[in-house]
Amino acid sequence: MSGPSAGQTASVSPFKQPKAVFAVAFACVVSFMGIGLVDPILPAISEDLDASPSQVTLLFTSYLVVTAVAMLITGWVSSRIGAKRTLVVGLVVIVIFSALAGASGSINGIVGFRAGWGVGNALFIATSLAVIVASASGGFSGAIILYETALGLGIAVGPLLGGLLGDVSWRGPFFGVSALMAIALIATLILVEPLPTPARKTSLADPLRALRHRGLLTLSLTALCYNWAFFTVLGYAPFPMGLSAIRLGLVFTGWGILVAFFSVFGAPWLQRRLGLARTLYANLALFAVVILVIAIWTTHVAVLVTAVIVAGVFIGINNTVTTQAVMTVAPVERPVASAAYGFVRFIGGGLAPYAAGKLVEATNIHVPFYLGAGTLLLGIAILATAHQLLNETERAQRGEQAAAQGRPAERQPDPAR
């Protein structure tokens, strides 16, 4: 086989990008820090504000449920004011509401300001993915890897920052995110060029209409089940650990490092070896085993900490593989697909921590994690209903990768057969 012709590259690094892409990626890192940021300070907030664990988990629920619902308006907004302005609005909202959360003196106030933070987060997350895909060099897959790298780094750094600042005061992490997001806002204003507004204005109903497509709906529902398990661990596991803020930060930093590593390196390698369908099935099944270990040995701190850190492997793989599949399978514009997918999956992530708190109050500390393992098995069952679509999606991905590298798509055997 002859080598690539002039002007073609055998492979393009996802990390060789224009400055504007890195500006948005940095803002993504800080935005995703907001997910794990509060983990190390949940027990401290509970103690200082005399709030029950189920009340404190509302910091996740208000943030993620509002993020989910607000996802439905992101396309409507960005198709009218442009992607850059939508990013800026989202960043401004995050800066304001994260600072207000830090200044609040009650659990209800923090929960409310986290909800406002969720609106900005939705505007930013859905639009940032579309901007990175549109602006990045190296093709669609490289853009997704870069995006998931930002997600992984944010998830890794968030708990560490939360632990370090939370060891001084639980207010510190909120003010820290506000300051970092202000820096990201300035970088976005300076480095990101305005993208052309779409010829067709997106309607508010477009993301819901997109869910009529079987592939997008199936992957979104699978992601809802997966996110239920994910955020049960993220939102409730800190309570039975009984560790200080800094130690909790270190635990979830180890977890986040594995998320980042397997998002960037593990997921592409596994998909090449096993194929899309087998990678997803195996990953969800092994994640269920880890959650089951957490459910059985919840009160054994060493086992709990180890299992939580190991869970980062499966979260990282799932994030990259599923996001790529969603963006490929959806027969709609990618911002609309991102909004529809985000709406469904964040509903699961938002409800799970609060449900965990209520289940513990009504039963015992083990039940939420048994439920989390069960939702992963349900996700596998849902995914199996669209097995053929997964094979078609993988073939489409190979075609996009070949086009990005300037070579004809290769006819490869279906790895699922």
Foldseek 3Di string as FASTA:
>chain_A
DDDDDPPFDPADALPPFALLLVLLLLLLLLLLLLQLQCLLCLVVCCVVQVHALLLSLLLLQLQLLLLLLLLLCLLLVCLPPFLLVLQLVLLVQLLVLLLQLLVDDHSVSNSVSSNSNSNSSNSSPLSSLVLQQVRTAGFNLSSLLSNQLSNLSSQLVSLQQSLVLVLVPNSRSSNVSSVSSVVSSVSSVPRPDTDDRDPDRDDSCLLVVLCVDLQLVLLLLLLLLLLLLVLQCSSPLSVLLPDHSNVSSNLSSLLSVLLNCCLNPVQVVCCVVQNLLVLLLVLLLVLLVLLLQCLVPVNPNVSSSVSSSVNSNSNNNCSSSSLLLQQQLGPDDSSSSSSSSSSRNSNSNSVNSSVQSVVCVVPNNNVSSNSSSVSSVVSNVSNVVCVVSSQVSRQSVQQRSCVSSPHGRDDDDRSVD
